[in-house]
Every structure is written in C-alpha cells, then in structure tokens.
Amino acid sequence: YQGGEVTAKMAALHARTFVIAQIETNEGLGNVDAIAAVPGVDALWVGHFDLTNFLGIPGAFGHPSYVAAVARIVAACDAHGKSAGFLAADDEWAREYVSKGFRLLAYGLDQLMLQNALRHGLEVLRTAVR
C-alpha cells in the first residue's frame, strides 16, 4: 500500500495496465469488431485451439474457416488500433503469424519446453553413463 491521491494513483496504474480480450468462440468472433472498439482494450488474442473447436474443425489451423477467422480478428485490430496476439509454439508459427499481421506474440509451450529440457537432460545422462 502506498499513500497518495487516489485519482493520480489510478491514472498511473491504468497507464501501466495492458488489457487483452481473448477471441476463442463463435460468439467472440461474431462480436470481434465491437470488442476491438472497446476503449481500454489494448489487444485481441486468438485462442487458436478453442477457436478451431468452436468452428467445428478441431486443430485444423489451415482450414479456410480458421484462416478467415484469423484474418477477421487482425482486420478488427487494425481498424481500431489494437494489437493482434497469438501463442506461437515454434519458429514456424511465429513467422507465419507475424506475416499475418500479429505483433503481440508469446513463444513456446510450457509442456514442449519441459519435454525438450528433459530430453536434453536424459541425453546428457546417457552420454555420461556410456
């Protein structure tokens, strides 16, 4: 807790707050332009696995319906000065989504990072034991 004038403290906190709305359902996609227009929302995040499920094409990231949905989300971001966000599992996905207009990326999946670290550790141990 810090003392001080409440209005000034709230303004300072607001300036440091980044609000992301996740688009991962048909309802979210249907309202994407209105969501992007909300003052204070800084970015729209594509929940890609859930979005393909709601589109009836689980995991089909190359399907025309998913590709069109992603383009629609990016267009809404562009129209309202927001960033489009995505979780890129690897370099290929990162490059692909940057080329689609995404500027807010998280990189790597926790389970893949853990698997890779364990795989590396086991290889080190196997080499040491030989």
N, C-alpha and C. Protein backbone atom coordinates (compact mmCIF):
# COMPACT_ATOMS: atom_id res chain seq x y z
N TYR A 1 0.84 -1.18 0.00
CA TYR A 1 0.00 0.00 0.00
C TYR A 1 0.87 1.23 0.00
N GLN A 2 0.45 2.19 -0.79
CA GLN A 2 1.13 3.49 -0.79
C GLN A 2 0.10 4.58 -0.59
N GLY A 3 0.51 5.58 0.11
CA GLY A 3 -0.37 6.73 0.27
C GLY A 3 -0.39 7.54 -1.01
N GLY A 4 -1.20 8.54 -1.03
CA GLY A 4 -1.24 9.43 -2.18
C GLY A 4 -2.66 9.66 -2.65
N GLU A 5 -2.77 10.53 -3.59
CA GLU A 5 -4.06 10.91 -4.13
C GLU A 5 -4.59 9.78 -5.02
N VAL A 6 -5.78 9.32 -4.76
CA VAL A 6 -6.35 8.14 -5.40
C VAL A 6 -6.46 8.31 -6.92
N THR A 7 -6.94 9.43 -7.38
CA THR A 7 -7.11 9.64 -8.81
C THR A 7 -5.78 9.55 -9.55
N ALA A 8 -4.75 10.15 -9.00
CA ALA A 8 -3.42 10.10 -9.62
C ALA A 8 -2.87 8.68 -9.61
N LYS A 9 -3.08 7.96 -8.50
CA LYS A 9 -2.60 6.57 -8.43
C LYS A 9 -3.32 5.69 -9.44
N MET A 10 -4.63 5.88 -9.57
CA MET A 10 -5.40 5.08 -10.53
C MET A 10 -4.96 5.39 -11.97
N ALA A 11 -4.70 6.64 -12.27
CA ALA A 11 -4.24 7.02 -13.61
C ALA A 11 -2.89 6.38 -13.90
N ALA A 12 -2.00 6.37 -12.91
CA ALA A 12 -0.68 5.76 -13.10
C ALA A 12 -0.80 4.26 -13.31
N LEU A 13 -1.66 3.62 -12.55
CA LEU A 13 -1.88 2.17 -12.73
C LEU A 13 -2.49 1.88 -14.09
N HIS A 14 -3.46 2.69 -14.49
CA HIS A 14 -4.09 2.49 -15.79
C HIS A 14 -3.07 2.61 -16.92
N ALA A 15 -2.15 3.53 -16.80
CA ALA A 15 -1.13 3.72 -17.83
C ALA A 15 -0.22 2.50 -17.95
N ARG A 16 -0.10 1.71 -16.88
CA ARG A 16 0.77 0.53 -16.89
C ARG A 16 0.00 -0.77 -17.08
N THR A 17 -1.31 -0.68 -17.30
CA THR A 17 -2.14 -1.88 -17.44
C THR A 17 -2.38 -2.17 -18.92
N PHE A 18 -2.24 -3.43 -19.28
CA PHE A 18 -2.44 -3.87 -20.67
C PHE A 18 -3.59 -4.87 -20.65
N VAL A 19 -4.67 -4.55 -21.33
CA VAL A 19 -5.88 -5.39 -21.31
C VAL A 19 -5.97 -6.16 -22.62
N ILE A 20 -6.10 -7.48 -22.49
CA ILE A 20 -6.20 -8.37 -23.65
C ILE A 20 -7.54 -9.09 -23.60
N ALA A 21 -8.28 -9.03 -24.69
CA ALA A 21 -9.53 -9.80 -24.83
C ALA A 21 -9.22 -11.01 -25.71
N GLN A 22 -9.55 -12.18 -25.20
CA GLN A 22 -9.27 -13.41 -25.95
C GLN A 22 -10.47 -13.77 -26.81
N ILE A 23 -10.21 -14.03 -28.08
CA ILE A 23 -11.25 -14.42 -29.03
C ILE A 23 -11.06 -15.91 -29.31
N GLU A 24 -12.01 -16.72 -28.81
CA GLU A 24 -11.86 -18.16 -28.97
C GLU A 24 -13.18 -18.89 -29.18
N THR A 25 -14.26 -18.14 -29.36
CA THR A 25 -15.57 -18.77 -29.59
C THR A 25 -16.24 -18.11 -30.79
N ASN A 26 -17.31 -18.75 -31.27
CA ASN A 26 -18.09 -18.15 -32.34
C ASN A 26 -18.69 -16.82 -31.90
N GLU A 27 -19.10 -16.75 -30.64
CA GLU A 27 -19.66 -15.50 -30.12
C GLU A 27 -18.62 -14.39 -30.12
N GLY A 28 -17.43 -14.71 -29.67
CA GLY A 28 -16.35 -13.73 -29.68
C GLY A 28 -16.02 -13.28 -31.09
N LEU A 29 -15.96 -14.25 -32.00
CA LEU A 29 -15.66 -13.93 -33.39
C LEU A 29 -16.76 -13.06 -34.00
N GLY A 30 -18.01 -13.37 -33.66
CA GLY A 30 -19.13 -12.59 -34.18
C GLY A 30 -19.15 -11.16 -33.67
N ASN A 31 -18.54 -10.94 -32.52
CA ASN A 31 -18.51 -9.61 -31.90
C ASN A 31 -17.13 -8.98 -31.93
N VAL A 32 -16.25 -9.52 -32.76
CA VAL A 32 -14.84 -9.10 -32.71
C VAL A 32 -14.66 -7.61 -32.98
N ASP A 33 -15.43 -7.06 -33.89
CA ASP A 33 -15.28 -5.63 -34.19
C ASP A 33 -15.73 -4.79 -32.99
N ALA A 34 -16.83 -5.17 -32.37
CA ALA A 34 -17.31 -4.44 -31.20
C ALA A 34 -16.34 -4.57 -30.03
N ILE A 35 -15.76 -5.75 -29.86
CA ILE A 35 -14.79 -5.96 -28.78
C ILE A 35 -13.56 -5.10 -29.01
N ALA A 36 -13.09 -5.07 -30.26
CA ALA A 36 -11.91 -4.27 -30.59
C ALA A 36 -12.16 -2.78 -30.40
N ALA A 37 -13.42 -2.37 -30.49
CA ALA A 37 -13.77 -0.96 -30.36
C ALA A 37 -13.86 -0.50 -28.91
N VAL A 38 -13.81 -1.43 -27.96
CA VAL A 38 -13.96 -1.07 -26.55
C VAL A 38 -12.75 -0.26 -26.08
N PRO A 39 -12.98 0.95 -25.56
CA PRO A 39 -11.87 1.73 -25.02
C PRO A 39 -11.22 0.98 -23.86
N GLY A 40 -9.91 1.00 -23.83
CA GLY A 40 -9.19 0.32 -22.75
C GLY A 40 -8.74 -1.08 -23.10
N VAL A 41 -9.34 -1.69 -24.12
CA VAL A 41 -8.85 -2.98 -24.60
C VAL A 41 -7.66 -2.68 -25.50
N ASP A 42 -6.51 -3.28 -25.19
CA ASP A 42 -5.29 -2.98 -25.93
C ASP A 42 -4.99 -3.99 -27.02
N ALA A 43 -5.48 -5.22 -26.86
CA ALA A 43 -5.15 -6.27 -27.82
C ALA A 43 -6.25 -7.32 -27.85
N LEU A 44 -6.31 -8.02 -28.97
CA LEU A 44 -7.17 -9.20 -29.10
C LEU A 44 -6.25 -10.40 -29.28
N TRP A 45 -6.51 -11.42 -28.51
CA TRP A 45 -5.68 -12.63 -28.50
C TRP A 45 -6.46 -13.76 -29.13
N VAL A 46 -5.87 -14.46 -30.08
CA VAL A 46 -6.52 -15.61 -30.71
C VAL A 46 -6.29 -16.84 -29.84
N GLY A 47 -7.37 -17.41 -29.35
CA GLY A 47 -7.31 -18.70 -28.66
C GLY A 47 -7.47 -19.78 -29.72
N HIS A 48 -6.38 -20.12 -30.40
CA HIS A 48 -6.46 -20.89 -31.63
C HIS A 48 -7.03 -22.29 -31.47
N PHE A 49 -6.65 -23.03 -30.45
CA PHE A 49 -7.19 -24.38 -30.29
C PHE A 49 -8.69 -24.33 -30.02
N ASP A 50 -9.10 -23.50 -29.07
CA ASP A 50 -10.52 -23.39 -28.76
C ASP A 50 -11.30 -22.84 -29.95
N LEU A 51 -10.74 -21.89 -30.66
CA LEU A 51 -11.44 -21.32 -31.80
C LEU A 51 -11.70 -22.38 -32.86
N THR A 52 -10.72 -23.23 -33.15
CA THR A 52 -10.98 -24.29 -34.13
C THR A 52 -12.04 -25.26 -33.62
N ASN A 53 -12.06 -25.52 -32.32
CA ASN A 53 -13.11 -26.38 -31.76
C ASN A 53 -14.49 -25.77 -31.97
N PHE A 54 -14.63 -24.49 -31.64
CA PHE A 54 -15.92 -23.83 -31.80
C PHE A 54 -16.33 -23.69 -33.26
N LEU A 55 -15.36 -23.65 -34.15
CA LEU A 55 -15.66 -23.60 -35.59
C LEU A 55 -16.00 -24.98 -36.14
N GLY A 56 -15.87 -26.01 -35.31
CA GLY A 56 -16.18 -27.38 -35.74
C GLY A 56 -15.06 -28.03 -36.52
N ILE A 57 -13.85 -27.51 -36.39
CA ILE A 57 -12.70 -28.04 -37.13
C ILE A 57 -11.50 -28.19 -36.18
N PRO A 58 -11.64 -28.98 -35.14
CA PRO A 58 -10.61 -29.06 -34.10
C PRO A 58 -9.19 -29.25 -34.65
N GLY A 59 -8.32 -28.32 -34.32
CA GLY A 59 -6.91 -28.42 -34.69
C GLY A 59 -6.60 -28.20 -36.15
N ALA A 60 -7.58 -27.82 -36.95
CA ALA A 60 -7.36 -27.63 -38.39
C ALA A 60 -6.99 -26.17 -38.66
N PHE A 61 -5.74 -25.84 -38.39
CA PHE A 61 -5.30 -24.45 -38.47
C PHE A 61 -5.12 -23.95 -39.90
N GLY A 62 -5.12 -24.85 -40.87
CA GLY A 62 -5.04 -24.44 -42.26
C GLY A 62 -6.40 -24.39 -42.94
N HIS A 63 -7.45 -24.75 -42.22
CA HIS A 63 -8.80 -24.78 -42.77
C HIS A 63 -9.24 -23.36 -43.14
N PRO A 64 -9.92 -23.21 -44.28
CA PRO A 64 -10.35 -21.88 -44.72
C PRO A 64 -11.18 -21.11 -43.67
N SER A 65 -11.99 -21.81 -42.89
CA SER A 65 -12.80 -21.13 -41.87
C SER A 65 -11.92 -20.52 -40.78
N TYR A 66 -10.89 -21.25 -40.38
CA TYR A 66 -9.98 -20.73 -39.36
C TYR A 66 -9.15 -19.59 -39.93
N VAL A 67 -8.63 -19.77 -41.13
CA VAL A 67 -7.81 -18.73 -41.76
C VAL A 67 -8.63 -17.44 -41.90
N ALA A 68 -9.89 -17.57 -42.30
CA ALA A 68 -10.76 -16.40 -42.43
C ALA A 68 -11.03 -15.76 -41.07
N ALA A 69 -11.21 -16.58 -40.04
CA ALA A 69 -11.45 -16.06 -38.69
C ALA A 69 -10.25 -15.25 -38.20
N VAL A 70 -9.06 -15.78 -38.43
CA VAL A 70 -7.84 -15.08 -38.03
C VAL A 70 -7.73 -13.75 -38.77
N ALA A 71 -8.01 -13.76 -40.06
CA ALA A 71 -7.95 -12.53 -40.85
C ALA A 71 -8.97 -11.51 -40.34
N ARG A 72 -10.12 -11.99 -39.93
CA ARG A 72 -11.17 -11.11 -39.40
C ARG A 72 -10.71 -10.47 -38.08
N ILE A 73 -10.05 -11.24 -37.25
CA ILE A 73 -9.55 -10.71 -35.97
C ILE A 73 -8.47 -9.65 -36.22
N VAL A 74 -7.55 -9.94 -37.13
CA VAL A 74 -6.49 -8.98 -37.45
C VAL A 74 -7.10 -7.70 -38.04
N ALA A 75 -8.09 -7.86 -38.91
CA ALA A 75 -8.74 -6.68 -39.51
C ALA A 75 -9.41 -5.82 -38.44
N ALA A 76 -10.05 -6.44 -37.46
CA ALA A 76 -10.68 -5.68 -36.37
C ALA A 76 -9.61 -4.94 -35.56
N CYS A 77 -8.50 -5.61 -35.31
CA CYS A 77 -7.40 -4.96 -34.59
C CYS A 77 -6.89 -3.76 -35.37
N ASP A 78 -6.64 -3.96 -36.65
CA ASP A 78 -6.14 -2.88 -37.49
C ASP A 78 -7.11 -1.70 -37.53
N ALA A 79 -8.41 -2.01 -37.63
CA ALA A 79 -9.42 -0.95 -37.74
C ALA A 79 -9.52 -0.11 -36.47
N HIS A 80 -9.15 -0.70 -35.34
CA HIS A 80 -9.31 0.00 -34.06
C HIS A 80 -8.00 0.29 -33.35
N GLY A 81 -6.88 0.12 -34.06
CA GLY A 81 -5.58 0.44 -33.48
C GLY A 81 -5.17 -0.46 -32.34
N LYS A 82 -5.57 -1.73 -32.41
CA LYS A 82 -5.23 -2.69 -31.36
C LYS A 82 -4.19 -3.67 -31.89
N SER A 83 -3.53 -4.37 -31.00
CA SER A 83 -2.57 -5.40 -31.38
C SER A 83 -3.28 -6.74 -31.46
N ALA A 84 -2.86 -7.57 -32.42
CA ALA A 84 -3.34 -8.94 -32.51
C ALA A 84 -2.31 -9.84 -31.85
N GLY A 85 -2.77 -10.73 -30.97
CA GLY A 85 -1.86 -11.58 -30.21
C GLY A 85 -2.08 -13.06 -30.45
N PHE A 86 -0.99 -13.83 -30.26
CA PHE A 86 -1.01 -15.26 -30.55
C PHE A 86 0.10 -15.96 -29.78
N LEU A 87 -0.16 -17.21 -29.39
CA LEU A 87 0.85 -18.06 -28.75
C LEU A 87 1.48 -18.94 -29.82
N ALA A 88 2.70 -18.62 -30.20
CA ALA A 88 3.42 -19.38 -31.23
C ALA A 88 4.19 -20.52 -30.57
N ALA A 89 3.89 -21.73 -30.98
CA ALA A 89 4.54 -22.90 -30.39
C ALA A 89 5.99 -23.03 -30.83
N ASP A 90 6.30 -22.51 -32.02
CA ASP A 90 7.66 -22.65 -32.54
C ASP A 90 7.96 -21.52 -33.52
N ASP A 91 9.17 -21.56 -34.09
CA ASP A 91 9.61 -20.50 -35.01
C ASP A 91 8.71 -20.39 -36.23
N GLU A 92 8.28 -21.53 -36.76
CA GLU A 92 7.45 -21.53 -37.96
C GLU A 92 6.13 -20.80 -37.70
N TRP A 93 5.49 -21.13 -36.59
CA TRP A 93 4.22 -20.46 -36.27
C TRP A 93 4.46 -18.98 -36.02
N ALA A 94 5.55 -18.63 -35.35
CA ALA A 94 5.84 -17.22 -35.08
C ALA A 94 5.97 -16.44 -36.39
N ARG A 95 6.75 -16.97 -37.32
CA ARG A 95 6.92 -16.29 -38.61
C ARG A 95 5.59 -16.18 -39.36
N GLU A 96 4.82 -17.26 -39.35
CA GLU A 96 3.53 -17.27 -40.06
C GLU A 96 2.59 -16.20 -39.51
N TYR A 97 2.49 -16.12 -38.19
CA TYR A 97 1.53 -15.17 -37.61
C TYR A 97 2.02 -13.73 -37.68
N VAL A 98 3.32 -13.52 -37.64
CA VAL A 98 3.84 -12.17 -37.87
C VAL A 98 3.49 -11.74 -39.30
N SER A 99 3.61 -12.66 -40.25
CA SER A 99 3.28 -12.33 -41.65
C SER A 99 1.79 -12.04 -41.83
N LYS A 100 0.96 -12.53 -40.91
CA LYS A 100 -0.49 -12.28 -40.98
C LYS A 100 -0.87 -10.96 -40.29
N GLY A 101 0.10 -10.30 -39.66
CA GLY A 101 -0.17 -9.02 -39.03
C GLY A 101 -0.15 -9.04 -37.51
N PHE A 102 0.23 -10.15 -36.91
CA PHE A 102 0.30 -10.23 -35.45
C PHE A 102 1.56 -9.53 -34.96
N ARG A 103 1.42 -8.73 -33.90
CA ARG A 103 2.55 -8.00 -33.34
C ARG A 103 2.78 -8.31 -31.86
N LEU A 104 1.89 -9.09 -31.29
CA LEU A 104 1.99 -9.47 -29.88
C LEU A 104 2.06 -10.99 -29.83
N LEU A 105 3.25 -11.52 -29.58
CA LEU A 105 3.43 -12.97 -29.59
C LEU A 105 4.01 -13.45 -28.28
N ALA A 106 3.47 -14.56 -27.82
CA ALA A 106 4.11 -15.34 -26.76
C ALA A 106 4.76 -16.51 -27.50
N TYR A 107 5.87 -16.98 -26.98
CA TYR A 107 6.61 -18.01 -27.71
C TYR A 107 6.82 -19.24 -26.84
N GLY A 108 6.50 -20.39 -27.41
CA GLY A 108 6.77 -21.67 -26.75
C GLY A 108 5.62 -22.13 -25.88
N LEU A 109 5.51 -23.42 -25.76
CA LEU A 109 4.51 -24.04 -24.91
C LEU A 109 5.22 -24.67 -23.72
N ASP A 110 4.68 -24.47 -22.55
CA ASP A 110 5.38 -24.94 -21.35
C ASP A 110 5.67 -26.43 -21.40
N GLN A 111 4.72 -27.24 -21.87
CA GLN A 111 4.99 -28.68 -21.90
C GLN A 111 6.06 -29.04 -22.92
N LEU A 112 6.14 -28.31 -24.03
CA LEU A 112 7.20 -28.57 -25.01
C LEU A 112 8.56 -28.17 -24.46
N MET A 113 8.61 -27.05 -23.75
CA MET A 113 9.88 -26.63 -23.15
C MET A 113 10.36 -27.65 -22.13
N LEU A 114 9.43 -28.15 -21.33
CA LEU A 114 9.77 -29.16 -20.33
C LEU A 114 10.23 -30.45 -21.01
N GLN A 115 9.50 -30.89 -22.03
CA GLN A 115 9.89 -32.09 -22.77
C GLN A 115 11.29 -31.95 -23.37
N ASN A 116 11.55 -30.81 -23.99
CA ASN A 116 12.86 -30.59 -24.61
C ASN A 116 13.97 -30.57 -23.56
N ALA A 117 13.72 -29.93 -22.43
CA ALA A 117 14.73 -29.89 -21.37
C ALA A 117 14.98 -31.29 -20.82
N LEU A 118 13.92 -32.07 -20.62
CA LEU A 118 14.09 -33.44 -20.12
C LEU A 118 14.80 -34.31 -21.15
N ARG A 119 14.44 -34.15 -22.41
CA ARG A 119 15.10 -34.92 -23.48
C ARG A 119 16.59 -34.62 -23.49
N HIS A 120 16.93 -33.35 -23.39
CA HIS A 120 18.34 -32.95 -23.37
C HIS A 120 19.03 -33.52 -22.13
N GLY A 121 18.40 -33.39 -20.98
CA GLY A 121 18.99 -33.91 -19.75
C GLY A 121 19.22 -35.41 -19.79
N LEU A 122 18.25 -36.15 -20.33
CA LEU A 122 18.41 -37.60 -20.45
C LEU A 122 19.55 -37.95 -21.40
N GLU A 123 19.69 -37.20 -22.48
CA GLU A 123 20.78 -37.45 -23.42
C GLU A 123 22.13 -37.19 -22.75
N VAL A 124 22.22 -36.13 -21.97
CA VAL A 124 23.45 -35.84 -21.23
C VAL A 124 23.77 -36.99 -20.28
N LEU A 125 22.76 -37.47 -19.56
CA LEU A 125 22.97 -38.58 -18.63
C LEU A 125 23.38 -39.86 -19.35
N ARG A 126 22.70 -40.15 -20.46
CA ARG A 126 23.05 -41.36 -21.23
C ARG A 126 24.48 -41.30 -21.73
N THR A 127 24.89 -40.13 -22.20
CA THR A 127 26.26 -39.96 -22.69
C THR A 127 27.26 -40.12 -21.55
N ALA A 128 26.93 -39.60 -20.39
CA ALA A 128 27.83 -39.68 -19.24
C ALA A 128 27.97 -41.10 -18.73
N VAL A 129 26.92 -41.90 -18.84
CA VAL A 129 26.92 -43.27 -18.32
C VAL A 129 27.65 -44.22 -19.25
N ARG A 130 27.67 -43.93 -20.52
CA ARG A 130 28.30 -44.83 -21.51
C ARG A 130 29.74 -44.99 -21.31
